[in-house]
Amino acid sequence: MFILISKKTKISDLVEGYKAIFRFGLALIASFKSEMKLMNIKNSQMWWTVLRNFTFSPSFNFDLLKRKAYSRFGSKMRKRLNFPSRRTFARNMKLNEKWAESNVQMDYSYSMSKAKAVGIIETEHPPVMARSHAVRFDLASWLPLPLRETKLELIYSTSLHGRCLESFYKSCAHSKHTLTLIETLTPQNSKIGMYTNHTWHHDSRIYGDGSCFIFSLEPDPKKYSWSPDKKEYSFDEDQIKMRALNEQFMMSNHSFLSMGGNKEGTCGIRLNEDLSKGSSAATVTFKNTPLVGEDFQDFEVGLIEVYRFIRNIDGSPVDGNDHNVWDAVAL
């Protein structure tokens, strides 16, 4: 649920929105009680994971949740949930914060032991580089939480669309969240890639944000995330340039596309206009080492594939645009 805030939003409306979220949250927990009794939940991380799986399960009934949150939604539900007053709620929060500091330890062993590979969609245009279960398992552990329960759908491949930045941009035009996998041919065979949360397009400016990351898949899987520079910058020209490099997420035009930057002008990943050659160097943006190896910053490119994310729960793209990129491509 989202609350849209504008200059015309009344405080009373805002308060009512928060009340609705709070009411639905408590109703969800009340619905989940019977499930919790059957499980040996040991920590808060496990609790949230199981609760999330409960809400995404086929048996979850949102209409029943509404009736629990607001008794007027159904005649069978006469008893309305009792909600604490603001004063009681604030007091309980303080008490629980003190208890949590001394008793709760975040344990991620449960979520890691239950981790699974991100799914994949088989179509008449079969994926190649994401087919491996090991590859999709690594990707699932790196992706943002909302994307881990999704399936990958191929939307661009150099073997099907040809080697051209224009085709790349055209295929990605309707997808905000994408995963690009790149096969390097020389000097050694490896797989590298990048996750982006902004649509690839021609732009004279840097775009994207800190959720983007680059990675190597084979032979040594490793993710390189953005780490904001916490230094206090002055108005010195060199300091301003360093800050710009630290936030050089996505760049793309008619000649190349790239992610990450450094003082030497090289990138974490850079592909040329016909997608036949690439390079990878250490960057200020992602604090990465060259993805293909210290001695091999330039390489020839083999296959390139781009995937979008499809929700498991309803089979729709996470970006909300069900455009079929293959309809516009003559293969």
C-alpha atoms as a PDB file:
ATOM      1  CA  MET A   1       0.000   0.000   0.000  1.00  0.00           C
ATOM      2  CA  PHE A   2       1.318   3.438  -0.921  1.00  0.00           C
ATOM      3  CA  ILE A   3       0.411   6.857   0.424  1.00  0.00           C
ATOM      4  CA  LEU A   4       0.798   9.630  -2.140  1.00  0.00           C
ATOM      5  CA  ILE A   5       1.782  12.926  -0.568  1.00  0.00           C
ATOM      6  CA  SER A   6       1.404  16.252  -2.345  1.00  0.00           C
ATOM      7  CA  LYS A   7       1.084  19.880  -1.335  1.00  0.00           C
ATOM      8  CA  LYS A   8      -2.692  19.401  -1.159  1.00  0.00           C
ATOM      9  CA  THR A   9      -2.521  16.385   1.146  1.00  0.00           C
ATOM     10  CA  LYS A  10      -4.283  17.053   4.415  1.00  0.00           C
ATOM     11  CA  ILE A  11      -2.709  15.953   7.686  1.00  0.00           C
ATOM     12  CA  SER A  12      -5.924  14.139   8.575  1.00  0.00           C
ATOM     13  CA  ASP A  13      -5.719  12.155   5.322  1.00  0.00           C
ATOM     14  CA  LEU A  14      -2.114  11.251   6.043  1.00  0.00           C
ATOM     15  CA  VAL A  15      -2.986  10.044   9.533  1.00  0.00           C
ATOM     16  CA  GLU A  16      -5.860   7.955   8.154  1.00  0.00           C
ATOM     17  CA  GLY A  17      -3.452   6.386   5.647  1.00  0.00           C
ATOM     18  CA  TYR A  18      -1.063   5.365   8.393  1.00  0.00           C
ATOM     19  CA  LYS A  19      -3.974   4.012  10.396  1.00  0.00           C
ATOM     20  CA  ALA A  20      -5.001   1.851   7.440  1.00  0.00           C
ATOM     21  CA  ILE A  21      -1.486   0.452   7.068  1.00  0.00           C
ATOM     22  CA  PHE A  22      -1.304  -0.222  10.804  1.00  0.00           C
ATOM     23  CA  ARG A  23      -4.716  -1.881  10.826  1.00  0.00           C
ATOM     24  CA  PHE A  24      -3.886  -4.144   7.869  1.00  0.00           C
ATOM     25  CA  GLY A  25      -0.524  -5.013   9.450  1.00  0.00           C
ATOM     26  CA  LEU A  26      -2.082  -6.136  12.710  1.00  0.00           C
ATOM     27  CA  ALA A  27      -4.799  -8.026  10.857  1.00  0.00           C
ATOM     28  CA  LEU A  28      -2.109  -9.852   8.881  1.00  0.00           C
ATOM     29  CA  ILE A  29      -0.256 -10.821  12.058  1.00  0.00           C
ATOM     30  CA  ALA A  30      -3.522 -12.005  13.608  1.00  0.00           C
ATOM     31  CA  SER A  31      -4.173 -14.161  10.521  1.00  0.00           C
ATOM     32  CA  PHE A  32      -0.657 -15.560  10.732  1.00  0.00           C
ATOM     33  CA  LYS A  33      -0.883 -16.727  14.362  1.00  0.00           C
ATOM     34  CA  SER A  34      -2.113 -20.205  13.508  1.00  0.00           C
ATOM     35  CA  GLU A  35       0.743 -20.654  11.023  1.00  0.00           C
ATOM     36  CA  MET A  36       3.337 -19.542  13.579  1.00  0.00           C
ATOM     37  CA  LYS A  37       2.212 -22.141  16.110  1.00  0.00           C
ATOM     38  CA  LEU A  38       3.137 -24.902  13.671  1.00  0.00           C
ATOM     39  CA  MET A  39       6.676 -23.624  13.089  1.00  0.00           C
ATOM     40  CA  ASN A  40       9.733 -23.426  15.244  1.00  0.00           C
ATOM     41  CA  ILE A  41      10.570 -19.779  14.573  1.00  0.00           C
ATOM     42  CA  LYS A  42      13.871 -18.905  16.225  1.00  0.00           C
ATOM     43  CA  ASN A  43      14.558 -15.300  15.256  1.00  0.00           C
ATOM     44  CA  SER A  44      13.082 -12.187  13.672  1.00  0.00           C
ATOM     45  CA  GLN A  45      14.663 -12.803  10.264  1.00  0.00           C
ATOM     46  CA  MET A  46      13.037 -16.226  10.067  1.00  0.00           C
ATOM     47  CA  TRP A  47       9.705 -14.740  11.227  1.00  0.00           C
ATOM     48  CA  TRP A  48       9.653 -12.115   8.468  1.00  0.00           C
ATOM     49  CA  THR A  49      10.690 -14.684   5.834  1.00  0.00           C
ATOM     50  CA  VAL A  50       7.916 -17.092   6.802  1.00  0.00           C
ATOM     51  CA  LEU A  51       5.361 -14.258   6.980  1.00  0.00           C
ATOM     52  CA  ARG A  52       6.322 -13.101   3.497  1.00  0.00           C
ATOM     53  CA  ASN A  53       5.992 -16.648   2.127  1.00  0.00           C
ATOM     54  CA  PHE A  54       2.571 -16.866   3.804  1.00  0.00           C
ATOM     55  CA  THR A  55       1.298 -13.744   2.019  1.00  0.00           C
ATOM     56  CA  PHE A  56       2.563 -15.021  -1.360  1.00  0.00           C
ATOM     57  CA  SER A  57       1.067 -18.490  -0.961  1.00  0.00           C
ATOM     58  CA  PRO A  58      -1.965 -19.514  -3.095  1.00  0.00           C
ATOM     59  CA  SER A  59      -4.035 -20.038   0.059  1.00  0.00           C
ATOM     60  CA  PHE A  60      -3.677 -16.413   1.199  1.00  0.00           C
ATOM     61  CA  ASN A  61      -7.087 -14.696   1.170  1.00  0.00           C
ATOM     62  CA  PHE A  62      -6.931 -10.908   0.940  1.00  0.00           C
ATOM     63  CA  ASP A  63     -10.698 -10.532   1.288  1.00  0.00           C
ATOM     64  CA  LEU A  64     -10.549 -12.316   4.627  1.00  0.00           C
ATOM     65  CA  LEU A  65      -7.747  -9.963   5.672  1.00  0.00           C
ATOM     66  CA  LYS A  66      -9.973  -6.978   4.861  1.00  0.00           C
ATOM     67  CA  ARG A  67     -12.782  -8.414   6.967  1.00  0.00           C
ATOM     68  CA  LYS A  68     -10.374  -8.813   9.869  1.00  0.00           C
ATOM     69  CA  ALA A  69      -9.076  -5.275   9.483  1.00  0.00           C
ATOM     70  CA  TYR A  70     -12.525  -3.695   9.048  1.00  0.00           C
ATOM     71  CA  SER A  71     -15.458  -5.630  10.462  1.00  0.00           C
ATOM     72  CA  ARG A  72     -17.945  -3.881   8.161  1.00  0.00           C
ATOM     73  CA  PHE A  73     -16.594  -5.784   5.152  1.00  0.00           C
ATOM     74  CA  GLY A  74     -18.501  -8.921   6.099  1.00  0.00           C
ATOM     75  CA  SER A  75     -21.468 -10.023   8.147  1.00  0.00           C
ATOM     76  CA  LYS A  76     -19.676 -13.080   9.518  1.00  0.00           C
ATOM     77  CA  MET A  77     -17.008 -10.995  11.191  1.00  0.00           C
ATOM     78  CA  ARG A  78     -18.752  -9.211  14.050  1.00  0.00           C
ATOM     79  CA  LYS A  79     -15.781  -8.775  16.330  1.00  0.00           C
ATOM     80  CA  ARG A  80     -13.471  -5.920  15.410  1.00  0.00           C
ATOM     81  CA  LEU A  81      -9.779  -6.104  16.266  1.00  0.00           C
ATOM     82  CA  ASN A  82      -8.811  -4.090  19.310  1.00  0.00           C
ATOM     83  CA  PHE A  83      -6.071  -1.565  18.641  1.00  0.00           C
ATOM     84  CA  PRO A  84      -3.932   0.047  21.338  1.00  0.00           C
ATOM     85  CA  SER A  85      -3.988   3.756  21.989  1.00  0.00           C
ATOM     86  CA  ARG A  86      -1.071   5.876  20.853  1.00  0.00           C
ATOM     87  CA  ARG A  87       0.238   6.159  24.398  1.00  0.00           C
ATOM     88  CA  THR A  88       0.072   2.392  24.939  1.00  0.00           C
ATOM     89  CA  PHE A  89       1.681   1.761  21.574  1.00  0.00           C
ATOM     90  CA  ALA A  90       4.590   4.145  22.316  1.00  0.00           C
ATOM     91  CA  ARG A  91       5.151   2.578  25.738  1.00  0.00           C
ATOM     92  CA  ASN A  92       5.223  -0.933  24.290  1.00  0.00           C
ATOM     93  CA  MET A  93       7.675   0.151  21.603  1.00  0.00           C
ATOM     94  CA  LYS A  94      10.129   1.443  24.214  1.00  0.00           C
ATOM     95  CA  LEU A  95       9.836  -1.732  26.266  1.00  0.00           C
ATOM     96  CA  ASN A  96      10.374  -3.952  23.230  1.00  0.00           C
ATOM     97  CA  GLU A  97      13.324  -1.912  22.007  1.00  0.00           C
ATOM     98  CA  LYS A  98      15.129  -2.482  25.309  1.00  0.00           C
ATOM     99  CA  TRP A  99      14.295  -6.180  25.213  1.00  0.00           C
ATOM    100  CA  ALA A 100      15.415  -6.545  21.579  1.00  0.00           C
ATOM    101  CA  GLU A 101      18.785  -4.911  22.189  1.00  0.00           C
ATOM    102  CA  SER A 102      19.707  -7.522  24.790  1.00  0.00           C
ATOM    103  CA  ASN A 103      17.906 -10.607  23.456  1.00  0.00           C
ATOM    104  CA  VAL A 104      17.466 -10.561  19.679  1.00  0.00           C
ATOM    105  CA  GLN A 105      20.343 -11.687  17.476  1.00  0.00           C
ATOM    106  CA  MET A 106      19.922 -11.536  13.733  1.00  0.00           C
ATOM    107  CA  ASP A 107      20.564 -15.002  12.359  1.00  0.00           C
ATOM    108  CA  TYR A 108      20.600 -15.362   8.597  1.00  0.00           C
ATOM    109  CA  SER A 109      21.292 -19.105   8.578  1.00  0.00           C
ATOM    110  CA  TYR A 110      17.606 -19.849   8.064  1.00  0.00           C
ATOM    111  CA  SER A 111      17.141 -17.620   5.022  1.00  0.00           C
ATOM    112  CA  MET A 112      20.396 -18.821   3.463  1.00  0.00           C
ATOM    113  CA  SER A 113      19.584 -22.497   4.031  1.00  0.00           C
ATOM    114  CA  LYS A 114      16.196 -21.968   2.356  1.00  0.00           C
ATOM    115  CA  ALA A 115      17.588 -19.831  -0.485  1.00  0.00           C
ATOM    116  CA  LYS A 116      16.717 -20.978  -3.980  1.00  0.00           C
ATOM    117  CA  ALA A 117      17.692 -20.090  -7.504  1.00  0.00           C
ATOM    118  CA  VAL A 118      15.747 -17.391  -9.283  1.00  0.00           C
ATOM    119  CA  GLY A 119      13.366 -18.963 -11.791  1.00  0.00           C
ATOM    120  CA  ILE A 120      13.550 -18.948 -15.565  1.00  0.00           C
ATOM    121  CA  ILE A 121      10.936 -18.827 -18.336  1.00  0.00           C
ATOM    122  CA  GLU A 122      11.270 -21.202 -21.261  1.00  0.00           C
ATOM    123  CA  THR A 123       9.921 -19.844 -24.557  1.00  0.00           C
ATOM    124  CA  GLU A 124      10.550 -20.400 -28.245  1.00  0.00           C
ATOM    125  CA  HIS A 125      13.610 -18.181 -27.729  1.00  0.00           C
ATOM    126  CA  PRO A 126      15.479 -20.243 -25.097  1.00  0.00           C
ATOM    127  CA  PRO A 127      17.897 -18.562 -22.684  1.00  0.00           C
ATOM    128  CA  VAL A 128      21.490 -19.739 -22.673  1.00  0.00           C
ATOM    129  CA  MET A 129      23.691 -18.114 -20.033  1.00  0.00           C
ATOM    130  CA  ALA A 130      21.045 -18.048 -17.285  1.00  0.00           C
ATOM    131  CA  ARG A 131      20.057 -21.686 -17.804  1.00  0.00           C
ATOM    132  CA  SER A 132      22.556 -22.990 -15.239  1.00  0.00           C
ATOM    133  CA  HIS A 133      21.015 -23.531 -11.800  1.00  0.00           C
ATOM    134  CA  ALA A 134      24.294 -22.480 -10.140  1.00  0.00           C
ATOM    135  CA  VAL A 135      24.256 -19.165 -12.022  1.00  0.00           C
ATOM    136  CA  ARG A 136      20.661 -18.430 -11.051  1.00  0.00           C
ATOM    137  CA  PHE A 137      21.374 -19.373  -7.443  1.00  0.00           C
ATOM    138  CA  ASP A 138      24.182 -16.792  -7.262  1.00  0.00           C
ATOM    139  CA  LEU A 139      21.967 -14.181  -8.926  1.00  0.00           C
ATOM    140  CA  ALA A 140      19.161 -14.832  -6.429  1.00  0.00           C
ATOM    141  CA  SER A 141      21.492 -14.146  -3.514  1.00  0.00           C
ATOM    142  CA  TRP A 142      22.581 -10.821  -5.060  1.00  0.00           C
ATOM    143  CA  LEU A 143      19.293  -9.397  -6.295  1.00  0.00           C
ATOM    144  CA  PRO A 144      17.179  -6.976  -4.216  1.00  0.00           C
ATOM    145  CA  LEU A 145      14.702  -8.846  -2.001  1.00  0.00           C
ATOM    146  CA  PRO A 146      11.589  -7.999  -4.073  1.00  0.00           C
ATOM    147  CA  LEU A 147      13.192  -9.630  -7.150  1.00  0.00           C
ATOM    148  CA  ARG A 148      14.300 -12.897  -5.579  1.00  0.00           C
ATOM    149  CA  GLU A 149      10.859 -14.472  -5.968  1.00  0.00           C
ATOM    150  CA  THR A 150      10.744 -13.858  -9.722  1.00  0.00           C
ATOM    151  CA  LYS A 151      11.568 -15.576 -12.985  1.00  0.00           C
ATOM    152  CA  LEU A 152      13.952 -14.374 -15.655  1.00  0.00           C
ATOM    153  CA  GLU A 153      12.597 -13.817 -19.162  1.00  0.00           C
ATOM    154  CA  LEU A 154      14.948 -13.283 -22.096  1.00  0.00           C
ATOM    155  CA  ILE A 155      14.257 -10.006 -23.937  1.00  0.00           C
ATOM    156  CA  TYR A 156      17.482  -9.521 -25.913  1.00  0.00           C
ATOM    157  CA  SER A 157      20.174 -11.802 -27.320  1.00  0.00           C
ATOM    158  CA  THR A 158      22.988 -10.980 -29.744  1.00  0.00           C
ATOM    159  CA  SER A 159      22.443 -14.369 -31.391  1.00  0.00           C
ATOM    160  CA  LEU A 160      18.840 -13.432 -32.222  1.00  0.00           C
ATOM    161  CA  HIS A 161      18.741  -9.618 -32.453  1.00  0.00           C
ATOM    162  CA  GLY A 162      22.239  -9.021 -33.847  1.00  0.00           C
ATOM    163  CA  ARG A 163      25.123  -6.970 -32.485  1.00  0.00           C
ATOM    164  CA  CYS A 164      23.869  -3.422 -32.351  1.00  0.00           C
ATOM    165  CA  LEU A 165      23.330  -0.925 -29.552  1.00  0.00           C
ATOM    166  CA  GLU A 166      20.161   0.292 -31.261  1.00  0.00           C
ATOM    167  CA  SER A 167      18.634  -3.196 -31.027  1.00  0.00           C
ATOM    168  CA  PHE A 168      19.812  -3.437 -27.431  1.00  0.00           C
ATOM    169  CA  TYR A 169      18.085  -0.177 -26.470  1.00  0.00           C
ATOM    170  CA  LYS A 170      14.945  -1.052 -28.432  1.00  0.00           C
ATOM    171  CA  SER A 171      14.599  -4.426 -26.699  1.00  0.00           C
ATOM    172  CA  CYS A 172      15.123  -2.859 -23.253  1.00  0.00           C
ATOM    173  CA  ALA A 173      12.850   0.143 -23.864  1.00  0.00           C
ATOM    174  CA  HIS A 174       9.903  -1.292 -21.908  1.00  0.00           C
ATOM    175  CA  SER A 175      11.874  -2.776 -19.000  1.00  0.00           C
ATOM    176  CA  LYS A 176      13.154  -0.793 -16.069  1.00  0.00           C
ATOM    177  CA  HIS A 177      14.763  -3.631 -14.087  1.00  0.00           C
ATOM    178  CA  THR A 178      17.122  -5.693 -16.261  1.00  0.00           C
ATOM    179  CA  LEU A 179      19.908  -8.208 -15.861  1.00  0.00           C
ATOM    180  CA  THR A 180      22.610  -8.284 -18.555  1.00  0.00           C
ATOM    181  CA  LEU A 181      24.912 -11.295 -18.911  1.00  0.00           C
ATOM    182  CA  ILE A 182      28.076 -11.033 -21.018  1.00  0.00           C
ATOM    183  CA  GLU A 183      30.297 -13.841 -22.304  1.00  0.00           C
ATOM    184  CA  THR A 184      33.955 -12.870 -22.766  1.00  0.00           C
ATOM    185  CA  LEU A 185      35.951 -14.773 -25.391  1.00  0.00           C
ATOM    186  CA  THR A 186      39.487 -13.483 -25.098  1.00  0.00           C
ATOM    187  CA  PRO A 187      41.812 -13.688 -23.357  1.00  0.00           C
ATOM    188  CA  GLN A 188      39.797 -16.234 -21.377  1.00  0.00           C
ATOM    189  CA  ASN A 189      36.249 -17.523 -21.308  1.00  0.00           C
ATOM    190  CA  SER A 190      34.252 -16.030 -18.446  1.00  0.00           C
ATOM    191  CA  LYS A 191      30.849 -14.578 -17.653  1.00  0.00           C
ATOM    192  CA  ILE A 192      30.280 -11.139 -16.200  1.00  0.00           C
ATOM    193  CA  GLY A 193      27.214  -8.950 -15.926  1.00  0.00           C
ATOM    194  CA  MET A 194      25.287  -6.013 -14.536  1.00  0.00           C
ATOM    195  CA  TYR A 195      21.980  -5.354 -12.823  1.00  0.00           C
ATOM    196  CA  THR A 196      20.252  -2.040 -13.530  1.00  0.00           C
ATOM    197  CA  ASN A 197      17.036  -0.497 -12.217  1.00  0.00           C
ATOM    198  CA  HIS A 198      16.647   2.197 -14.882  1.00  0.00           C
ATOM    199  CA  THR A 199      15.753   1.658 -18.527  1.00  0.00           C
ATOM    200  CA  TRP A 200      18.752   1.621 -20.879  1.00  0.00           C
ATOM    201  CA  HIS A 201      18.460   4.477 -23.381  1.00  0.00           C
ATOM    202  CA  HIS A 202      20.385   7.204 -25.168  1.00  0.00           C
ATOM    203  CA  ASP A 203      21.349   9.856 -22.652  1.00  0.00           C
ATOM    204  CA  SER A 204      24.044  12.494 -22.389  1.00  0.00           C
ATOM    205  CA  ARG A 205      23.867  12.336 -18.600  1.00  0.00           C
ATOM    206  CA  ILE A 206      24.695   9.731 -15.979  1.00  0.00           C
ATOM    207  CA  TYR A 207      21.614   7.967 -14.624  1.00  0.00           C
ATOM    208  CA  GLY A 208      20.688   5.020 -12.403  1.00  0.00           C
ATOM    209  CA  ASP A 209      21.211   4.851  -8.648  1.00  0.00           C
ATOM    210  CA  GLY A 210      22.964   2.944  -5.883  1.00  0.00           C
ATOM    211  CA  SER A 211      20.830  -0.171  -6.316  1.00  0.00           C
ATOM    212  CA  CYS A 212      22.708  -0.990  -9.534  1.00  0.00           C
ATOM    213  CA  PHE A 213      25.620  -3.408  -9.325  1.00  0.00           C
ATOM    214  CA  ILE A 214      28.103  -5.295 -11.488  1.00  0.00           C
ATOM    215  CA  PHE A 215      29.361  -8.840 -11.017  1.00  0.00           C
ATOM    216  CA  SER A 216      31.458 -11.710 -12.273  1.00  0.00           C
ATOM    217  CA  LEU A 217      29.763 -15.109 -12.604  1.00  0.00           C
ATOM    218  CA  GLU A 218      32.413 -17.454 -13.920  1.00  0.00           C
ATOM    219  CA  PRO A 219      34.934 -18.615 -12.970  1.00  0.00           C
ATOM    220  CA  ASP A 220      34.683 -16.811  -9.598  1.00  0.00           C
ATOM    221  CA  PRO A 221      31.208 -15.473  -8.676  1.00  0.00           C
ATOM    222  CA  LYS A 222      31.355 -12.098  -6.957  1.00  0.00           C
ATOM    223  CA  LYS A 223      29.040  -9.105  -6.682  1.00  0.00           C
ATOM    224  CA  TYR A 224      30.282  -5.509  -6.541  1.00  0.00           C
ATOM    225  CA  SER A 225      27.746  -3.124  -5.033  1.00  0.00           C
ATOM    226  CA  TRP A 226      27.875   0.632  -4.834  1.00  0.00           C
ATOM    227  CA  SER A 227      29.332   1.944  -1.621  1.00  0.00           C
ATOM    228  CA  PRO A 228      28.709   5.658  -1.037  1.00  0.00           C
ATOM    229  CA  ASP A 229      31.746   7.695  -0.181  1.00  0.00           C
ATOM    230  CA  LYS A 230      31.221   8.959   3.363  1.00  0.00           C
ATOM    231  CA  LYS A 231      33.902  11.625   3.187  1.00  0.00           C
ATOM    232  CA  GLU A 232      32.783  15.217   3.513  1.00  0.00           C
ATOM    233  CA  TYR A 233      33.567  16.813   0.169  1.00  0.00           C
ATOM    234  CA  SER A 234      34.724  20.376  -0.212  1.00  0.00           C
ATOM    235  CA  PHE A 235      34.138  22.559  -3.255  1.00  0.00           C
ATOM    236  CA  ASP A 236      37.613  21.682  -4.503  1.00  0.00           C
ATOM    237  CA  GLU A 237      37.484  20.702  -8.194  1.00  0.00           C
ATOM    238  CA  ASP A 238      39.199  17.347  -7.630  1.00  0.00           C
ATOM    239  CA  GLN A 239      36.791  16.488  -4.830  1.00  0.00           C
ATOM    240  CA  ILE A 240      33.788  17.308  -7.017  1.00  0.00           C
ATOM    241  CA  LYS A 241      35.141  15.012  -9.750  1.00  0.00           C
ATOM    242  CA  MET A 242      35.671  12.189  -7.260  1.00  0.00           C
ATOM    243  CA  ARG A 243      32.099  12.477  -6.068  1.00  0.00           C
ATOM    244  CA  ALA A 244      30.845  12.339  -9.651  1.00  0.00           C
ATOM    245  CA  LEU A 245      32.893   9.176 -10.239  1.00  0.00           C
ATOM    246  CA  ASN A 246      31.477   7.627  -7.088  1.00  0.00           C
ATOM    247  CA  GLU A 247      27.993   8.036  -8.555  1.00  0.00           C
ATOM    248  CA  GLN A 248      28.720   7.075 -12.170  1.00  0.00           C
ATOM    249  CA  PHE A 249      26.137   4.281 -12.333  1.00  0.00           C
ATOM    250  CA  MET A 250      24.855   4.042 -15.914  1.00  0.00           C
ATOM    251  CA  MET A 251      26.050   5.770 -19.081  1.00  0.00           C
ATOM    252  CA  SER A 252      24.758   5.035 -22.581  1.00  0.00           C
ATOM    253  CA  ASN A 253      24.755   6.740 -25.961  1.00  0.00           C
ATOM    254  CA  HIS A 254      25.179   5.893 -29.659  1.00  0.00           C
ATOM    255  CA  SER A 255      28.835   4.865 -29.188  1.00  0.00           C
ATOM    256  CA  PHE A 256      28.935   2.790 -26.001  1.00  0.00           C
ATOM    257  CA  LEU A 257      27.226   1.791 -22.773  1.00  0.00           C
ATOM    258  CA  SER A 258      28.981   1.460 -19.436  1.00  0.00           C
ATOM    259  CA  MET A 259      28.724   1.231 -15.666  1.00  0.00           C
ATOM    260  CA  GLY A 260      31.135   2.580 -13.071  1.00  0.00           C
ATOM    261  CA  GLY A 261      33.979   5.045 -13.505  1.00  0.00           C
ATOM    262  CA  ASN A 262      37.462   6.018 -12.358  1.00  0.00           C
ATOM    263  CA  LYS A 263      39.987   8.826 -12.798  1.00  0.00           C
ATOM    264  CA  GLU A 264      41.628   7.131 -15.788  1.00  0.00           C
ATOM    265  CA  GLY A 265      38.374   7.224 -17.768  1.00  0.00           C
ATOM    266  CA  THR A 266      37.884   3.462 -17.831  1.00  0.00           C
ATOM    267  CA  CYS A 267      34.775   1.678 -16.528  1.00  0.00           C
ATOM    268  CA  GLY A 268      33.640  -1.300 -14.474  1.00  0.00           C
ATOM    269  CA  ILE A 269      31.972  -2.623 -17.625  1.00  0.00           C
ATOM    270  CA  ARG A 270      32.031  -0.948 -21.031  1.00  0.00           C
ATOM    271  CA  LEU A 271      30.689  -2.303 -24.344  1.00  0.00           C
ATOM    272  CA  ASN A 272      31.361  -0.699 -27.737  1.00  0.00           C
ATOM    273  CA  GLU A 273      28.738   0.277 -30.305  1.00  0.00           C
ATOM    274  CA  ASP A 274      28.618  -3.071 -32.126  1.00  0.00           C
ATOM    275  CA  LEU A 275      28.840  -5.069 -28.878  1.00  0.00           C
ATOM    276  CA  SER A 276      31.874  -6.983 -30.121  1.00  0.00           C
ATOM    277  CA  LYS A 277      34.486  -5.620 -27.717  1.00  0.00           C
ATOM    278  CA  GLY A 278      34.410  -4.716 -24.045  1.00  0.00           C
ATOM    279  CA  SER A 279      36.572  -3.708 -21.143  1.00  0.00           C
ATOM    280  CA  SER A 280      36.528  -3.887 -17.362  1.00  0.00           C
ATOM    281  CA  ALA A 281      38.683  -1.947 -14.905  1.00  0.00           C
ATOM    282  CA  ALA A 282      38.726  -1.104 -11.217  1.00  0.00           C
ATOM    283  CA  THR A 283      36.305   1.726 -10.410  1.00  0.00           C
ATOM    284  CA  VAL A 284      35.617   4.291  -7.732  1.00  0.00           C
ATOM    285  CA  THR A 285      31.890   3.605  -8.125  1.00  0.00           C
ATOM    286  CA  PHE A 286      31.773  -0.085  -7.219  1.00  0.00           C
ATOM    287  CA  LYS A 287      35.227  -0.590  -5.642  1.00  0.00           C
ATOM    288  CA  ASN A 288      35.647  -3.580  -7.942  1.00  0.00           C
ATOM    289  CA  THR A 289      38.651  -5.294  -9.414  1.00  0.00           C
ATOM    290  CA  PRO A 290      38.679  -5.881 -13.199  1.00  0.00           C
ATOM    291  CA  LEU A 291      35.941  -8.455 -13.721  1.00  0.00           C
ATOM    292  CA  VAL A 292      37.900 -10.590 -16.208  1.00  0.00           C
ATOM    293  CA  GLY A 293      41.200 -10.350 -14.312  1.00  0.00           C
ATOM    294  CA  GLU A 294      43.885  -7.805 -13.495  1.00  0.00           C
ATOM    295  CA  ASP A 295      45.848  -8.580 -16.669  1.00  0.00           C
ATOM    296  CA  PHE A 296      42.861  -8.693 -19.026  1.00  0.00           C
ATOM    297  CA  GLN A 297      41.020  -5.394 -18.950  1.00  0.00           C
ATOM    298  CA  ASP A 298      40.102  -5.546 -22.666  1.00  0.00           C
ATOM    299  CA  PHE A 299      38.291  -8.516 -24.144  1.00  0.00           C
ATOM    300  CA  GLU A 300      36.297  -9.736 -27.093  1.00  0.00           C
ATOM    301  CA  VAL A 301      32.611 -10.285 -26.475  1.00  0.00           C
ATOM    302  CA  GLY A 302      30.729 -13.463 -27.246  1.00  0.00           C
ATOM    303  CA  LEU A 303      27.069 -13.828 -26.412  1.00  0.00           C
ATOM    304  CA  ILE A 304      25.148 -11.038 -24.653  1.00  0.00           C
ATOM    305  CA  GLU A 305      21.736 -11.662 -23.123  1.00  0.00           C
ATOM    306  CA  VAL A 306      19.357  -9.295 -21.319  1.00  0.00           C
ATOM    307  CA  TYR A 307      16.589 -10.526 -19.018  1.00  0.00           C
ATOM    308  CA  ARG A 308      13.618  -8.858 -17.375  1.00  0.00           C
ATOM    309  CA  PHE A 309      11.889 -10.035 -14.186  1.00  0.00           C
ATOM    310  CA  ILE A 310       8.503 -11.757 -14.105  1.00  0.00           C
ATOM    311  CA  ARG A 311       6.587 -12.095 -10.817  1.00  0.00           C
ATOM    312  CA  ASN A 312       5.881 -15.650  -9.677  1.00  0.00           C
ATOM    313  CA  ILE A 313       2.595 -14.684  -8.064  1.00  0.00           C
ATOM    314  CA  ASP A 314       0.767 -13.531 -11.216  1.00  0.00           C
ATOM    315  CA  GLY A 315       3.148 -14.008 -14.144  1.00  0.00           C
ATOM    316  CA  SER A 316       3.347 -10.267 -14.862  1.00  0.00           C
ATOM    317  CA  PRO A 317       6.536  -8.210 -15.392  1.00  0.00           C
ATOM    318  CA  VAL A 318       7.644  -6.397 -12.235  1.00  0.00           C
ATOM    319  CA  ASP A 319       7.674  -3.150 -14.244  1.00  0.00           C
ATOM    320  CA  GLY A 320       3.984  -3.511 -15.053  1.00  0.00           C
ATOM    321  CA  ASN A 321       4.507  -3.406 -18.823  1.00  0.00           C
ATOM    322  CA  ASP A 322       3.543  -6.637 -20.571  1.00  0.00           C
ATOM    323  CA  HIS A 323       5.021  -5.550 -23.904  1.00  0.00           C
ATOM    324  CA  ASN A 324       6.337  -8.448 -25.989  1.00  0.00           C
ATOM    325  CA  VAL A 325       9.656  -7.331 -27.464  1.00  0.00           C
ATOM    326  CA  TRP A 326       9.783 -10.307 -29.802  1.00  0.00           C
ATOM    327  CA  ASP A 327       6.731  -9.098 -31.768  1.00  0.00           C
ATOM    328  CA  ALA A 328       8.707  -6.221 -33.207  1.00  0.00           C
ATOM    329  CA  VAL A 329      11.784  -8.227 -34.187  1.00  0.00           C
ATOM    330  CA  ALA A 330      12.115 -10.067 -37.469  1.00  0.00           C
ATOM    331  CA  LEU A 331      14.188 -13.156 -36.677  1.00  0.00           C
END
